Amino acid sequence: MNVKQLRAFVTVARTLSFAEAANILHLSQPTLSLTIKNLEDLLGGRLLSRTTRTIALTPEGDALLPIAKQLLAQWDNAEEEIHQRFSLKKGKIAIAAMPSFAASLLPEGLLNYHQKYPKIKVEIHDVLADTVVDMVRQGRLEIGISFDPGNNDDLNFKPLMKDRFIAVLPKDHPLRTAKNISWKILLEHDFITLQRPSSVRQLIEETLEQHNLTLSVAYDAHQLATVGRMVATGLGVAVVPALCEQQMQEQGAYCLPVIEPTIARDIGIITRSRTQLSTAAIAMIDVLIRTFEKRVN
């Protein structure tokens, strides 16, 4: 039993005329008659009582009619639901983004998306960079925004921008007037950073090791906001992604470039490589790329 058969049966039952029903369905009368016959053969008996002048429902046809109407209504609703999703008039997507990006740049992209597709609901998860990758890999959501996870056959990465790390100092620090600060000088002060296994800390440690510099940590914390506040209080200095600059300044700290070595890392969109994205997710990626395309370098 298929939708075409049910629609033919309901139309004939409503009009009680094969000629009128065929006209409504844009079918020839022989084709309509064959469709009804195939439905009756499938179900095992007559649904319509036909004479040369009249058509009436059999008791079985009368019992089928409300069921057929309900099934067609459900089908039409499902068809409309999917059509609206494909046309971006309805739907929902979830995005995971590391907090530094979620709090600083993501709102601009979300605003552009909402203005273009106001009916799509967007759920945001602001989680640690490594958690973003895990959530995408596990299929818990379609789009993640984080650092480049490296070579992973199961993930795709589309760069959005390059984020260079910056030094964070207390506002009254004697080096605050410098144009930049080297790691060698910075490491002479108490250093505050994120706790392991933070990808930010891992990148700092690996880069310094490559340049024969040793990171000695005085304090560590779980959140960059805490690191910024600790610096602002005067407990030490820190190095954080430039995405956090506004947040660090709001905490009461001072920021300037850190050099020798310069640390930078690509930030972009992470998706699963073997999974077809929804239309809403594809549109979101397009909007994000257009929003931040001038930042890729």
Protein backbone atom coordinates (compact mmCIF):
# COMPACT_ATOMS: atom_id res chain seq x y z
CA MET A 1 0.00 0.00 0.00
CA ASN A 2 1.48 3.32 -1.05
CA VAL A 3 0.64 6.99 -0.88
CA LYS A 4 -0.49 7.13 -4.50
CA GLN A 5 -3.04 4.35 -3.89
CA LEU A 6 -4.34 5.90 -0.67
CA ARG A 7 -4.70 9.33 -2.27
CA ALA A 8 -6.60 7.82 -5.18
CA PHE A 9 -8.94 5.93 -2.82
CA VAL A 10 -9.63 8.98 -0.62
CA THR A 11 -10.31 11.19 -3.65
CA VAL A 12 -12.76 8.69 -5.16
CA ALA A 13 -14.44 8.19 -1.76
CA ARG A 14 -14.83 11.97 -1.39
CA THR A 15 -16.17 12.68 -4.88
CA LEU A 16 -17.93 9.34 -5.49
CA SER A 17 -16.98 9.85 -9.12
CA PHE A 18 -14.11 8.27 -11.02
CA ALA A 19 -14.28 10.99 -13.67
CA GLU A 20 -14.08 13.84 -11.14
CA ALA A 21 -11.40 12.08 -9.07
CA ALA A 22 -9.30 11.41 -12.18
CA ASN A 23 -9.51 15.10 -13.09
CA ILE A 24 -8.43 16.17 -9.58
CA LEU A 25 -5.53 13.71 -9.55
CA HIS A 26 -4.53 14.46 -13.16
CA LEU A 27 -4.88 10.81 -14.11
CA SER A 28 -6.73 9.01 -16.85
CA GLN A 29 -9.79 7.06 -15.69
CA PRO A 30 -8.26 3.70 -16.69
CA THR A 31 -5.13 4.52 -14.67
CA LEU A 32 -7.23 5.55 -11.66
CA SER A 33 -9.36 2.38 -11.92
CA LEU A 34 -6.20 0.24 -12.06
CA THR A 35 -4.75 2.02 -9.01
CA ILE A 36 -7.90 1.31 -6.99
CA LYS A 37 -7.97 -2.30 -8.19
CA ASN A 38 -4.33 -2.83 -7.17
CA LEU A 39 -5.14 -1.46 -3.70
CA GLU A 40 -8.14 -3.76 -3.39
CA ASP A 41 -6.11 -6.76 -4.54
CA LEU A 42 -3.42 -5.89 -2.00
CA LEU A 43 -5.91 -5.63 0.87
CA GLY A 44 -7.93 -8.66 -0.20
CA GLY A 45 -11.39 -7.31 -1.09
CA ARG A 46 -13.60 -4.59 -2.55
CA LEU A 47 -13.39 -1.09 -1.07
CA LEU A 48 -15.87 0.49 -3.48
CA SER A 49 -19.23 -0.80 -4.68
CA ARG A 50 -19.60 0.26 -8.32
CA THR A 51 -22.55 0.17 -10.68
CA THR A 52 -22.99 1.90 -14.02
CA ARG A 53 -24.51 4.92 -12.23
CA THR A 54 -23.32 4.96 -8.61
CA ILE A 55 -20.27 4.45 -6.45
CA ALA A 56 -20.45 3.70 -2.74
CA LEU A 57 -18.04 2.60 -0.04
CA THR A 58 -18.19 -1.00 1.12
CA PRO A 59 -18.07 -1.54 4.90
CA GLU A 60 -14.33 -2.26 4.56
CA GLY A 61 -13.87 0.88 2.47
CA ASP A 62 -15.75 2.89 5.07
CA ALA A 63 -13.43 1.50 7.77
CA LEU A 64 -10.32 2.29 5.69
CA LEU A 65 -11.30 5.90 4.87
CA PRO A 66 -10.46 7.59 8.22
CA ILE A 67 -7.25 5.56 8.48
CA ALA A 68 -6.25 6.56 4.94
CA LYS A 69 -6.98 10.24 5.68
CA GLN A 70 -4.84 10.11 8.81
CA LEU A 71 -1.95 8.43 6.98
CA LEU A 72 -2.10 10.99 4.17
CA ALA A 73 -2.15 13.85 6.66
CA GLN A 74 0.92 12.44 8.39
CA TRP A 75 2.64 11.99 5.05
CA ASP A 76 1.82 15.55 3.94
CA ASN A 77 3.05 16.91 7.27
CA ALA A 78 6.29 14.96 6.97
CA GLU A 79 6.75 16.12 3.39
CA GLU A 80 6.19 19.75 4.41
CA GLU A 81 8.54 19.38 7.40
CA ILE A 82 11.39 18.11 5.23
CA HIS A 83 10.70 20.67 2.52
CA GLN A 84 10.94 23.47 5.07
CA ARG A 85 14.20 22.06 6.38
CA PHE A 86 15.69 21.87 2.89
CA SER A 87 14.51 25.42 2.16
CA LEU A 88 15.88 26.61 5.56
CA LYS A 89 12.48 27.76 6.77
CA LYS A 90 12.64 25.39 9.71
CA GLY A 91 15.25 23.39 11.57
CA LYS A 92 17.80 23.30 14.35
CA ILE A 93 21.56 22.90 14.50
CA ALA A 94 24.09 22.66 17.31
CA ILE A 95 27.57 24.17 17.33
CA ALA A 96 30.44 23.56 19.73
CA ALA A 97 33.00 26.35 20.02
CA MET A 98 35.89 26.95 22.37
CA PRO A 99 34.99 29.68 24.88
CA SER A 100 37.48 32.25 23.57
CA PHE A 101 35.85 32.14 20.13
CA ALA A 102 32.29 31.71 21.40
CA ALA A 103 32.55 34.80 23.59
CA SER A 104 34.33 37.07 21.12
CA LEU A 105 33.71 36.39 17.43
CA LEU A 106 30.98 33.76 17.12
CA PRO A 107 28.11 36.19 17.92
CA GLU A 108 28.90 38.13 14.73
CA GLY A 109 28.56 34.98 12.65
CA LEU A 110 25.38 33.96 14.46
CA LEU A 111 23.84 37.37 13.81
CA ASN A 112 24.59 37.12 10.09
CA TYR A 113 23.08 33.62 10.03
CA HIS A 114 19.95 34.67 11.92
CA GLN A 115 19.38 37.60 9.60
CA LYS A 116 19.51 35.27 6.61
CA TYR A 117 17.74 32.24 8.14
CA PRO A 118 15.60 33.51 11.05
CA LYS A 119 13.61 30.27 11.40
CA ILE A 120 16.61 28.06 12.18
CA LYS A 121 17.27 27.51 15.88
CA VAL A 122 20.94 27.38 16.90
CA GLU A 123 22.24 25.66 20.04
CA ILE A 124 25.69 26.73 21.26
CA HIS A 125 28.06 24.65 23.39
CA ASP A 126 31.02 26.69 24.65
CA VAL A 127 33.48 24.00 25.71
CA LEU A 128 37.22 23.44 25.79
CA ALA A 129 39.00 23.07 22.45
CA ASP A 130 39.62 19.34 22.88
CA THR A 131 36.01 18.77 23.88
CA VAL A 132 34.87 20.49 20.67
CA VAL A 133 36.79 17.91 18.65
CA ASP A 134 35.41 15.03 20.71
CA MET A 135 31.81 16.19 20.34
CA VAL A 136 32.12 16.41 16.56
CA ARG A 137 33.93 13.07 16.32
CA GLN A 138 31.23 11.35 18.41
CA GLY A 139 28.46 12.77 16.22
CA ARG A 140 26.89 14.74 19.06
CA LEU A 141 26.69 17.78 16.77
CA GLU A 142 27.56 18.70 13.19
CA ILE A 143 29.85 21.73 13.53
CA GLY A 144 32.74 22.52 15.84
CA ILE A 145 34.98 25.59 15.96
CA SER A 146 38.39 25.02 17.45
CA PHE A 147 42.09 24.79 16.73
CA ASP A 148 43.25 22.62 13.85
CA PRO A 149 43.10 19.05 15.23
CA GLY A 150 45.85 17.93 12.87
CA ASN A 151 45.76 14.99 10.49
CA ASN A 152 42.61 13.03 11.24
CA ASP A 153 41.00 10.86 8.57
CA ASP A 154 37.62 11.10 10.27
CA LEU A 155 37.56 14.92 10.48
CA ASN A 156 37.55 17.83 8.05
CA PHE A 157 39.05 21.21 8.98
CA LYS A 158 38.28 24.50 7.20
CA PRO A 159 40.41 27.45 8.43
CA LEU A 160 38.59 30.59 9.48
CA MET A 161 41.46 32.63 10.89
CA LYS A 162 44.92 32.51 12.44
CA ASP A 163 45.12 33.37 16.13
CA ARG A 164 48.46 34.64 17.46
CA PHE A 165 49.16 34.32 21.14
CA ILE A 166 49.67 37.46 23.24
CA ALA A 167 51.32 38.26 26.57
CA VAL A 168 49.11 39.31 29.48
CA LEU A 169 50.55 41.55 32.20
CA PRO A 170 49.24 43.38 35.26
CA LYS A 171 48.39 46.98 34.36
CA ASP A 172 51.13 48.36 36.59
CA HIS A 173 53.82 46.00 35.23
CA PRO A 174 57.05 47.83 34.25
CA LEU A 175 57.01 46.17 30.80
CA ARG A 176 53.52 47.35 29.89
CA THR A 177 54.91 50.26 27.81
CA ALA A 178 56.96 47.98 25.54
CA LYS A 179 55.87 47.36 21.95
CA ASN A 180 56.30 43.63 22.50
CA ILE A 181 57.96 41.22 24.90
CA SER A 182 60.18 38.20 24.30
CA TRP A 183 59.58 34.82 25.91
CA LYS A 184 62.99 34.95 27.54
CA ILE A 185 62.07 38.11 29.47
CA LEU A 186 58.52 36.93 30.12
CA LEU A 187 59.69 33.69 31.70
CA GLU A 188 61.67 35.63 34.29
CA HIS A 189 58.33 36.39 35.99
CA ASP A 190 55.87 34.09 37.75
CA PHE A 191 53.91 32.41 34.97
CA ILE A 192 50.20 31.59 35.04
CA THR A 193 48.64 29.22 32.53
CA LEU A 194 45.91 26.64 31.99
CA GLN A 195 46.06 23.22 33.58
CA ARG A 196 46.87 20.14 31.53
CA PRO A 197 45.56 18.69 29.24
CA SER A 198 44.71 22.13 27.81
CA SER A 199 45.66 22.41 24.12
CA VAL A 200 46.79 26.00 24.78
CA ARG A 201 49.26 24.87 27.42
CA GLN A 202 50.40 21.96 25.29
CA LEU A 203 51.13 24.28 22.35
CA ILE A 204 53.07 26.70 24.57
CA GLU A 205 55.17 23.91 26.10
CA GLU A 206 55.92 22.28 22.76
CA THR A 207 56.90 25.58 21.11
CA LEU A 208 59.17 26.62 23.98
CA GLU A 209 60.84 23.21 24.03
CA GLN A 210 61.63 23.58 20.32
CA HIS A 211 63.39 26.87 21.15
CA ASN A 212 65.25 25.48 24.18
CA LEU A 213 63.13 27.45 26.62
CA THR A 214 61.69 25.96 29.81
CA LEU A 215 58.23 26.83 31.11
CA SER A 216 58.15 27.09 34.88
CA VAL A 217 54.54 27.43 36.07
CA ALA A 218 53.75 29.29 39.29
CA TYR A 219 49.96 28.97 39.03
CA ASP A 220 47.55 27.14 36.75
CA ALA A 221 43.76 27.22 36.39
CA HIS A 222 40.96 25.56 34.44
CA GLN A 223 39.58 28.68 32.72
CA LEU A 224 41.22 31.54 30.83
CA ALA A 225 38.96 33.98 32.66
CA THR A 226 40.57 32.85 35.91
CA VAL A 227 44.04 33.21 34.42
CA GLY A 228 43.23 36.76 33.36
CA ARG A 229 41.92 37.71 36.78
CA MET A 230 44.98 36.23 38.50
CA VAL A 231 47.25 38.29 36.24
CA ALA A 232 45.21 41.44 36.85
CA THR A 233 45.56 40.86 40.60
CA GLY A 234 49.35 40.85 40.22
CA LEU A 235 50.11 37.17 40.76
CA GLY A 236 52.16 36.89 37.58
CA VAL A 237 52.08 37.00 33.78
CA ALA A 238 50.47 34.77 31.15
CA VAL A 239 50.24 34.04 27.44
CA VAL A 240 46.83 33.43 25.89
CA PRO A 241 45.26 33.35 22.40
CA ALA A 242 44.64 36.84 20.99
CA LEU A 243 40.94 35.94 20.84
CA CYS A 244 40.94 36.49 24.58
CA GLU A 245 42.39 40.02 24.46
CA GLN A 246 39.13 41.81 25.16
CA GLN A 247 38.33 39.37 27.96
CA MET A 248 41.77 39.91 29.51
CA GLN A 249 41.36 43.68 29.35
CA GLU A 250 37.94 43.47 30.94
CA GLN A 251 39.53 41.48 33.76
CA GLY A 252 41.93 44.39 34.33
CA ALA A 253 45.05 43.06 32.60
CA TYR A 254 47.25 44.57 29.88
CA CYS A 255 48.05 42.79 26.60
CA LEU A 256 50.91 43.08 24.10
CA PRO A 257 52.55 40.89 21.43
CA VAL A 258 54.88 38.12 22.53
CA ILE A 259 57.82 37.27 20.28
CA GLU A 260 60.89 35.05 20.00
CA PRO A 261 59.15 32.75 19.39
CA THR A 262 55.81 33.89 18.00
CA ILE A 263 53.07 31.32 18.58
CA ALA A 264 50.09 31.12 16.24
CA ARG A 265 47.52 28.49 15.46
CA ASP A 266 44.76 28.10 12.87
CA ILE A 267 41.19 28.26 14.12
CA GLY A 268 38.49 26.81 11.91
CA ILE A 269 35.43 24.69 11.35
CA ILE A 270 35.58 20.99 12.20
CA THR A 271 33.13 18.47 10.72
CA ARG A 272 33.05 14.71 10.32
CA SER A 273 34.48 13.63 6.98
CA ARG A 274 32.18 10.67 6.35
CA THR A 275 28.87 12.28 7.35
CA GLN A 276 26.46 14.23 5.17
CA LEU A 277 25.71 17.59 6.75
CA SER A 278 22.20 18.97 7.05
CA THR A 279 21.18 21.87 4.81
CA ALA A 280 21.12 24.14 7.86
CA ALA A 281 24.68 23.15 8.82
CA ILE A 282 25.96 23.69 5.28
CA ALA A 283 24.40 27.16 5.30
CA MET A 284 25.97 27.93 8.69
CA ILE A 285 29.43 26.97 7.43
CA ASP A 286 28.97 29.20 4.40
CA VAL A 287 27.94 32.15 6.59
CA LEU A 288 30.86 31.65 8.98
CA ILE A 289 33.36 31.50 6.12
CA ARG A 290 31.95 34.67 4.58
CA THR A 291 31.91 36.41 7.96
CA PHE A 292 35.54 35.70 8.78
CA GLU A 293 37.12 35.23 5.33
CA LYS A 294 39.19 38.43 5.64
CA ARG A 295 40.79 37.10 8.82
CA VAL A 296 42.41 34.05 7.17
CA ASN A 297 46.09 34.69 6.51
